[in-house]
Amino acid sequence: MASFKEHIDTHNLPEHVAVIMDGNGRWAKNKGAARIFGHRNAIEAVRQVIEGAGEIGIKYLTLYAFSTENWGRPKEEVDALMELLVNTLQKEIERLHKNKVRLKTIGDIGQLPKDCRENLREARESTKSNTGLTLLIALNYSGRREILKAVNELAMKVKEGTVGVDGIDEQLFASFLDTKNIPDPELLIRTSGEMRISNFLLWQIAYTELYITQKLWPDFRKEDLYEA
């Protein structure tokens, strides 16, 4: 069977792909295990989609890793997720360099535990000169909060007199978002078959094509990315 990769028109690729990584808990439940088991087994899917995106020349990849609503999950699950984030960053940094991946984050990182913040800062700093795929990890992220924060910052500029009301347009507003200087995604992939966008990149996906797959995130591989 021919690979989907062979049929990709590399001259008509999306520049930016965003992914809502959904289904870890359901995947674990199907195997009679705790939810964190699904999160741990999702790491290979993350590796696959990062490498797959880089191999075909996608320039930007945004992964929805932890939303502001996720703090409402059981404390033991949240603590395990934060520990998993730190361990994964430490283990994967060499692979990121090998694949020339530049890491960025969006969302309110300040609310994350100190060790998470420090590991993220070190990973961003050490990969900032890499020239391949730009990987954006959405952590403690909310599309509504991002827009509200941008509105407040823009209002402050108007109050200070550094921005005139007549000068406000879409381009100026976008410059106050977490994704400033990053093109809007042309493709949004959501796993697990759920038909919703879950407060993700609300401004940026106004014209984005949506691709919903029934696959649960831990089962997602390069071929699934190429099919999308």
C-alpha atoms as a PDB file:
ATOM      1  CA  MET A   1       0.000   0.000   0.000  1.00  0.00           C
ATOM      2  CA  ALA A   2       1.396   3.386  -0.978  1.00  0.00           C
ATOM      3  CA  SER A   3       2.145   5.858   1.777  1.00  0.00           C
ATOM      4  CA  PHE A   4       0.028   9.004   2.017  1.00  0.00           C
ATOM      5  CA  LYS A   5       3.352  10.844   2.114  1.00  0.00           C
ATOM      6  CA  GLU A   6       4.003   9.899  -1.515  1.00  0.00           C
ATOM      7  CA  HIS A   7       0.846  11.728  -2.632  1.00  0.00           C
ATOM      8  CA  ILE A   8       1.464  14.971  -0.745  1.00  0.00           C
ATOM      9  CA  ASP A   9       1.857  18.035  -2.947  1.00  0.00           C
ATOM     10  CA  THR A  10       4.848  19.635  -1.231  1.00  0.00           C
ATOM     11  CA  HIS A  11       4.200  22.846  -3.179  1.00  0.00           C
ATOM     12  CA  ASN A  12       0.743  23.165  -1.594  1.00  0.00           C
ATOM     13  CA  LEU A  13       1.465  22.410   2.059  1.00  0.00           C
ATOM     14  CA  PRO A  14      -0.046  24.276   4.973  1.00  0.00           C
ATOM     15  CA  GLU A  15       2.555  26.530   6.540  1.00  0.00           C
ATOM     16  CA  HIS A  16       1.071  26.058  10.005  1.00  0.00           C
ATOM     17  CA  VAL A  17      -0.739  23.011  11.428  1.00  0.00           C
ATOM     18  CA  ALA A  18      -2.422  23.031  14.853  1.00  0.00           C
ATOM     19  CA  VAL A  19      -3.442  19.899  16.771  1.00  0.00           C
ATOM     20  CA  ILE A  20      -5.907  19.295  19.593  1.00  0.00           C
ATOM     21  CA  MET A  21      -4.430  16.140  21.119  1.00  0.00           C
ATOM     22  CA  ASP A  22      -7.547  14.440  22.488  1.00  0.00           C
ATOM     23  CA  GLY A  23      -8.371  10.936  23.664  1.00  0.00           C
ATOM     24  CA  ASN A  24      -5.599  10.026  26.120  1.00  0.00           C
ATOM     25  CA  GLY A  25      -8.019   9.280  28.945  1.00  0.00           C
ATOM     26  CA  ARG A  26     -10.340   7.245  26.726  1.00  0.00           C
ATOM     27  CA  TRP A  27      -7.347   5.315  25.350  1.00  0.00           C
ATOM     28  CA  ALA A  28      -6.262   4.422  28.894  1.00  0.00           C
ATOM     29  CA  LYS A  29      -9.817   3.512  29.938  1.00  0.00           C
ATOM     30  CA  ASN A  30     -10.105   1.149  26.969  1.00  0.00           C
ATOM     31  CA  LYS A  31      -7.053  -0.651  28.337  1.00  0.00           C
ATOM     32  CA  GLY A  32      -8.336  -0.677  31.918  1.00  0.00           C
ATOM     33  CA  ALA A  33      -5.652   1.741  33.103  1.00  0.00           C
ATOM     34  CA  ALA A  34      -5.498   5.124  34.850  1.00  0.00           C
ATOM     35  CA  ARG A  35      -5.696   8.288  32.727  1.00  0.00           C
ATOM     36  CA  ILE A  36      -2.014   9.116  33.262  1.00  0.00           C
ATOM     37  CA  PHE A  37      -1.167   5.879  31.426  1.00  0.00           C
ATOM     38  CA  GLY A  38      -2.749   7.426  28.341  1.00  0.00           C
ATOM     39  CA  HIS A  39      -0.774  10.648  28.763  1.00  0.00           C
ATOM     40  CA  ARG A  40       2.501   8.735  29.054  1.00  0.00           C
ATOM     41  CA  ASN A  41       1.756   6.718  25.937  1.00  0.00           C
ATOM     42  CA  ALA A  42       0.905   9.907  24.047  1.00  0.00           C
ATOM     43  CA  ILE A  43       4.585  10.939  23.958  1.00  0.00           C
ATOM     44  CA  GLU A  44       5.290   8.729  20.938  1.00  0.00           C
ATOM     45  CA  ALA A  45       2.453  10.415  19.036  1.00  0.00           C
ATOM     46  CA  VAL A  46       4.026  13.796  19.823  1.00  0.00           C
ATOM     47  CA  ARG A  47       7.395  12.559  18.531  1.00  0.00           C
ATOM     48  CA  GLN A  48       5.801  11.208  15.373  1.00  0.00           C
ATOM     49  CA  VAL A  49       3.881  14.354  14.490  1.00  0.00           C
ATOM     50  CA  ILE A  50       6.889  16.621  15.163  1.00  0.00           C
ATOM     51  CA  GLU A  51       9.178  14.500  13.008  1.00  0.00           C
ATOM     52  CA  GLY A  52       6.519  13.995  10.340  1.00  0.00           C
ATOM     53  CA  ALA A  53       5.786  17.713  10.078  1.00  0.00           C
ATOM     54  CA  GLY A  54       9.479  18.500   9.791  1.00  0.00           C
ATOM     55  CA  GLU A  55      10.075  15.835   7.152  1.00  0.00           C
ATOM     56  CA  ILE A  56       7.524  17.275   4.713  1.00  0.00           C
ATOM     57  CA  GLY A  57       8.457  20.905   5.303  1.00  0.00           C
ATOM     58  CA  ILE A  58       5.701  22.263   7.540  1.00  0.00           C
ATOM     59  CA  LYS A  59       7.107  25.386   9.184  1.00  0.00           C
ATOM     60  CA  TYR A  60       4.915  25.743  12.286  1.00  0.00           C
ATOM     61  CA  LEU A  61       3.222  23.142  14.488  1.00  0.00           C
ATOM     62  CA  THR A  62       1.073  24.064  17.492  1.00  0.00           C
ATOM     63  CA  LEU A  63       0.104  21.373  20.009  1.00  0.00           C
ATOM     64  CA  TYR A  64      -2.645  21.949  22.595  1.00  0.00           C
ATOM     65  CA  ALA A  65      -1.050  20.335  25.638  1.00  0.00           C
ATOM     66  CA  PHE A  66      -2.794  21.821  28.696  1.00  0.00           C
ATOM     67  CA  SER A  67      -5.753  24.192  28.871  1.00  0.00           C
ATOM     68  CA  THR A  68      -6.765  26.493  31.714  1.00  0.00           C
ATOM     69  CA  GLU A  69      -9.758  24.179  32.229  1.00  0.00           C
ATOM     70  CA  ASN A  70      -7.432  21.221  32.856  1.00  0.00           C
ATOM     71  CA  TRP A  71      -6.649  22.539  36.353  1.00  0.00           C
ATOM     72  CA  GLY A  72     -10.105  21.213  37.259  1.00  0.00           C
ATOM     73  CA  ARG A  73      -8.953  17.621  36.846  1.00  0.00           C
ATOM     74  CA  PRO A  74      -8.015  15.520  39.912  1.00  0.00           C
ATOM     75  CA  LYS A  75      -4.875  16.873  41.626  1.00  0.00           C
ATOM     76  CA  GLU A  76      -2.971  13.612  41.229  1.00  0.00           C
ATOM     77  CA  GLU A  77      -3.556  13.693  37.467  1.00  0.00           C
ATOM     78  CA  VAL A  78      -2.455  17.337  37.168  1.00  0.00           C
ATOM     79  CA  ASP A  79       0.658  16.684  39.284  1.00  0.00           C
ATOM     80  CA  ALA A  80       1.510  13.653  37.149  1.00  0.00           C
ATOM     81  CA  LEU A  81       1.046  15.720  33.969  1.00  0.00           C
ATOM     82  CA  MET A  82       3.437  18.403  35.237  1.00  0.00           C
ATOM     83  CA  GLU A  83       6.004  15.764  36.170  1.00  0.00           C
ATOM     84  CA  LEU A  84       5.580  14.166  32.751  1.00  0.00           C
ATOM     85  CA  LEU A  85       6.147  17.553  31.091  1.00  0.00           C
ATOM     86  CA  VAL A  86       9.445  18.084  32.925  1.00  0.00           C
ATOM     87  CA  ASN A  87      10.695  14.550  32.262  1.00  0.00           C
ATOM     88  CA  THR A  88       9.735  14.725  28.592  1.00  0.00           C
ATOM     89  CA  LEU A  89      11.495  18.063  28.063  1.00  0.00           C
ATOM     90  CA  GLN A  90      14.668  16.695  29.631  1.00  0.00           C
ATOM     91  CA  LYS A  91      14.592  13.505  27.568  1.00  0.00           C
ATOM     92  CA  GLU A  92      13.563  15.050  24.244  1.00  0.00           C
ATOM     93  CA  ILE A  93      15.783  18.145  24.072  1.00  0.00           C
ATOM     94  CA  GLU A  94      18.523  16.264  22.205  1.00  0.00           C
ATOM     95  CA  ARG A  95      15.979  15.000  19.672  1.00  0.00           C
ATOM     96  CA  LEU A  96      14.673  18.548  19.171  1.00  0.00           C
ATOM     97  CA  HIS A  97      18.190  19.734  18.377  1.00  0.00           C
ATOM     98  CA  LYS A  98      18.786  16.790  16.037  1.00  0.00           C
ATOM     99  CA  ASN A  99      15.639  17.718  14.082  1.00  0.00           C
ATOM    100  CA  LYS A 100      16.483  21.469  14.253  1.00  0.00           C
ATOM    101  CA  VAL A 101      13.219  22.194  16.077  1.00  0.00           C
ATOM    102  CA  ARG A 102      12.746  25.595  17.708  1.00  0.00           C
ATOM    103  CA  LEU A 103      10.487  25.473  20.784  1.00  0.00           C
ATOM    104  CA  LYS A 104       8.080  28.237  21.774  1.00  0.00           C
ATOM    105  CA  THR A 105       5.178  28.322  24.224  1.00  0.00           C
ATOM    106  CA  ILE A 106       1.823  30.092  24.288  1.00  0.00           C
ATOM    107  CA  GLY A 107      -0.430  30.498  27.301  1.00  0.00           C
ATOM    108  CA  ASP A 108       0.126  31.702  30.869  1.00  0.00           C
ATOM    109  CA  ILE A 109       3.302  29.831  31.783  1.00  0.00           C
ATOM    110  CA  GLY A 110       3.621  31.795  35.028  1.00  0.00           C
ATOM    111  CA  GLN A 111       1.024  29.603  36.750  1.00  0.00           C
ATOM    112  CA  LEU A 112       2.943  26.376  36.103  1.00  0.00           C
ATOM    113  CA  PRO A 113       5.153  24.825  38.818  1.00  0.00           C
ATOM    114  CA  LYS A 114       8.650  26.318  39.123  1.00  0.00           C
ATOM    115  CA  ASP A 115      10.484  23.268  37.735  1.00  0.00           C
ATOM    116  CA  CYS A 116       8.189  23.283  34.676  1.00  0.00           C
ATOM    117  CA  ARG A 117       8.820  26.983  34.059  1.00  0.00           C
ATOM    118  CA  GLU A 118      12.578  26.564  34.396  1.00  0.00           C
ATOM    119  CA  ASN A 119      12.731  23.558  32.069  1.00  0.00           C
ATOM    120  CA  LEU A 120      10.594  25.347  29.494  1.00  0.00           C
ATOM    121  CA  ARG A 121      12.784  28.448  29.683  1.00  0.00           C
ATOM    122  CA  GLU A 122      15.946  26.374  29.230  1.00  0.00           C
ATOM    123  CA  ALA A 123      14.439  24.458  26.294  1.00  0.00           C
ATOM    124  CA  ARG A 124      13.270  27.645  24.569  1.00  0.00           C
ATOM    125  CA  GLU A 125      16.629  29.305  25.078  1.00  0.00           C
ATOM    126  CA  SER A 126      18.701  26.347  23.877  1.00  0.00           C
ATOM    127  CA  THR A 127      16.605  25.817  20.717  1.00  0.00           C
ATOM    128  CA  LYS A 128      16.017  29.460  19.726  1.00  0.00           C
ATOM    129  CA  SER A 129      18.684  29.363  16.997  1.00  0.00           C
ATOM    130  CA  ASN A 130      17.402  26.150  15.389  1.00  0.00           C
ATOM    131  CA  THR A 131      16.259  26.685  11.809  1.00  0.00           C
ATOM    132  CA  GLY A 132      13.753  23.867  11.219  1.00  0.00           C
ATOM    133  CA  LEU A 133      10.189  23.433  12.421  1.00  0.00           C
ATOM    134  CA  THR A 134       8.891  25.951  14.978  1.00  0.00           C
ATOM    135  CA  LEU A 135       7.009  23.980  17.643  1.00  0.00           C
ATOM    136  CA  LEU A 136       4.505  25.920  19.738  1.00  0.00           C
ATOM    137  CA  ILE A 137       3.265  24.188  22.883  1.00  0.00           C
ATOM    138  CA  ALA A 138       0.022  25.611  24.296  1.00  0.00           C
ATOM    139  CA  LEU A 139       0.241  25.337  28.096  1.00  0.00           C
ATOM    140  CA  ASN A 140      -2.255  26.770  30.574  1.00  0.00           C
ATOM    141  CA  TYR A 141      -3.842  28.188  27.443  1.00  0.00           C
ATOM    142  CA  SER A 142      -7.293  29.669  26.835  1.00  0.00           C
ATOM    143  CA  GLY A 143      -8.343  31.298  23.578  1.00  0.00           C
ATOM    144  CA  ARG A 144     -10.761  33.602  25.392  1.00  0.00           C
ATOM    145  CA  ARG A 145      -8.128  34.674  27.917  1.00  0.00           C
ATOM    146  CA  GLU A 146      -5.640  35.311  25.135  1.00  0.00           C
ATOM    147  CA  ILE A 147      -8.114  37.623  23.380  1.00  0.00           C
ATOM    148  CA  LEU A 148      -9.062  39.369  26.643  1.00  0.00           C
ATOM    149  CA  LYS A 149      -5.380  39.902  27.489  1.00  0.00           C
ATOM    150  CA  ALA A 150      -4.782  41.383  24.026  1.00  0.00           C
ATOM    151  CA  VAL A 151      -7.792  43.714  24.421  1.00  0.00           C
ATOM    152  CA  ASN A 152      -6.517  44.931  27.799  1.00  0.00           C
ATOM    153  CA  GLU A 153      -2.995  45.539  26.497  1.00  0.00           C
ATOM    154  CA  LEU A 154      -4.296  47.360  23.436  1.00  0.00           C
ATOM    155  CA  ALA A 155      -6.644  49.476  25.588  1.00  0.00           C
ATOM    156  CA  MET A 156      -3.680  50.446  27.754  1.00  0.00           C
ATOM    157  CA  LYS A 157      -1.765  51.585  24.662  1.00  0.00           C
ATOM    158  CA  VAL A 158      -4.741  53.702  23.615  1.00  0.00           C
ATOM    159  CA  LYS A 159      -4.967  55.180  27.118  1.00  0.00           C
ATOM    160  CA  GLU A 160      -1.245  56.010  27.036  1.00  0.00           C
ATOM    161  CA  GLY A 161      -1.698  57.676  23.677  1.00  0.00           C
ATOM    162  CA  THR A 162       0.792  55.416  21.870  1.00  0.00           C
ATOM    163  CA  VAL A 163      -1.976  53.892  19.723  1.00  0.00           C
ATOM    164  CA  GLY A 164      -4.837  55.810  18.153  1.00  0.00           C
ATOM    165  CA  VAL A 165      -8.319  54.305  18.012  1.00  0.00           C
ATOM    166  CA  ASP A 166      -8.473  54.898  14.256  1.00  0.00           C
ATOM    167  CA  GLY A 167      -5.278  52.883  13.819  1.00  0.00           C
ATOM    168  CA  ILE A 168      -6.670  49.658  15.290  1.00  0.00           C
ATOM    169  CA  ASP A 169      -7.120  46.906  12.709  1.00  0.00           C
ATOM    170  CA  GLU A 170      -6.841  43.109  12.593  1.00  0.00           C
ATOM    171  CA  GLN A 171      -3.098  43.170  11.993  1.00  0.00           C
ATOM    172  CA  LEU A 172      -2.456  45.440  14.971  1.00  0.00           C
ATOM    173  CA  PHE A 173      -4.733  43.403  17.239  1.00  0.00           C
ATOM    174  CA  ALA A 174      -3.004  40.149  16.211  1.00  0.00           C
ATOM    175  CA  SER A 175       0.323  41.653  17.293  1.00  0.00           C
ATOM    176  CA  PHE A 176      -0.918  41.557  20.906  1.00  0.00           C
ATOM    177  CA  LEU A 177      -1.715  37.821  20.795  1.00  0.00           C
ATOM    178  CA  ASP A 178       0.599  35.050  22.039  1.00  0.00           C
ATOM    179  CA  THR A 179       1.062  34.004  18.406  1.00  0.00           C
ATOM    180  CA  LYS A 180       2.335  37.362  17.151  1.00  0.00           C
ATOM    181  CA  ASN A 181       4.663  36.967  14.146  1.00  0.00           C
ATOM    182  CA  ILE A 182       3.316  33.416  13.617  1.00  0.00           C
ATOM    183  CA  PRO A 183       0.978  32.832  10.633  1.00  0.00           C
ATOM    184  CA  ASP A 184      -2.528  31.574  11.381  1.00  0.00           C
ATOM    185  CA  PRO A 185      -2.911  27.796  10.969  1.00  0.00           C
ATOM    186  CA  GLU A 186      -4.347  26.619   7.660  1.00  0.00           C
ATOM    187  CA  LEU A 187      -5.190  23.208   9.158  1.00  0.00           C
ATOM    188  CA  LEU A 188      -6.501  22.186  12.585  1.00  0.00           C
ATOM    189  CA  ILE A 189      -6.463  18.472  13.420  1.00  0.00           C
ATOM    190  CA  ARG A 190      -8.497  17.063  16.299  1.00  0.00           C
ATOM    191  CA  THR A 191      -8.223  13.454  17.384  1.00  0.00           C
ATOM    192  CA  SER A 192     -10.851  11.267  19.134  1.00  0.00           C
ATOM    193  CA  GLY A 193     -13.738  12.327  16.892  1.00  0.00           C
ATOM    194  CA  GLU A 194     -14.959  15.212  19.052  1.00  0.00           C
ATOM    195  CA  MET A 195     -16.593  18.004  17.009  1.00  0.00           C
ATOM    196  CA  ARG A 196     -15.531  21.059  18.997  1.00  0.00           C
ATOM    197  CA  ILE A 197     -12.585  23.456  19.186  1.00  0.00           C
ATOM    198  CA  SER A 198     -12.333  23.630  22.993  1.00  0.00           C
ATOM    199  CA  ASN A 199     -11.339  27.285  23.414  1.00  0.00           C
ATOM    200  CA  PHE A 200      -8.252  26.842  21.214  1.00  0.00           C
ATOM    201  CA  LEU A 201      -6.820  29.614  19.001  1.00  0.00           C
ATOM    202  CA  LEU A 202     -10.214  31.285  18.692  1.00  0.00           C
ATOM    203  CA  TRP A 203      -8.924  34.324  16.802  1.00  0.00           C
ATOM    204  CA  GLN A 204      -6.388  32.455  14.691  1.00  0.00           C
ATOM    205  CA  ILE A 205      -8.629  29.711  13.245  1.00  0.00           C
ATOM    206  CA  ALA A 206     -11.237  32.000  11.661  1.00  0.00           C
ATOM    207  CA  TYR A 207     -10.425  30.608   8.195  1.00  0.00           C
ATOM    208  CA  THR A 208      -8.766  27.330   9.180  1.00  0.00           C
ATOM    209  CA  GLU A 209      -9.761  23.982   7.656  1.00  0.00           C
ATOM    210  CA  LEU A 210     -10.814  21.461  10.318  1.00  0.00           C
ATOM    211  CA  TYR A 211      -9.884  17.776  10.144  1.00  0.00           C
ATOM    212  CA  ILE A 212     -11.494  15.432  12.672  1.00  0.00           C
ATOM    213  CA  THR A 213     -10.183  11.890  13.032  1.00  0.00           C
ATOM    214  CA  GLN A 214     -11.661   9.092  15.145  1.00  0.00           C
ATOM    215  CA  LYS A 215      -8.163   8.001  16.187  1.00  0.00           C
ATOM    216  CA  LEU A 216      -7.283   8.556  19.823  1.00  0.00           C
ATOM    217  CA  TRP A 217      -4.154  10.649  20.285  1.00  0.00           C
ATOM    218  CA  PRO A 218      -1.836   7.891  21.623  1.00  0.00           C
ATOM    219  CA  ASP A 219      -2.474   5.957  18.373  1.00  0.00           C
ATOM    220  CA  PHE A 220      -1.746   8.936  16.070  1.00  0.00           C
ATOM    221  CA  ARG A 221       1.283   8.471  13.788  1.00  0.00           C
ATOM    222  CA  LYS A 222       3.055  10.164  10.876  1.00  0.00           C
ATOM    223  CA  GLU A 223       0.777   8.475   8.342  1.00  0.00           C
ATOM    224  CA  ASP A 224      -2.252   9.990  10.072  1.00  0.00           C
ATOM    225  CA  LEU A 225      -0.673  13.425   9.763  1.00  0.00           C
ATOM    226  CA  TYR A 226       0.052  12.845   6.093  1.00  0.00           C
ATOM    227  CA  GLU A 227      -3.524  11.645   5.521  1.00  0.00           C
ATOM    228  CA  ALA A 228      -4.850  14.853   7.094  1.00  0.00           C
END
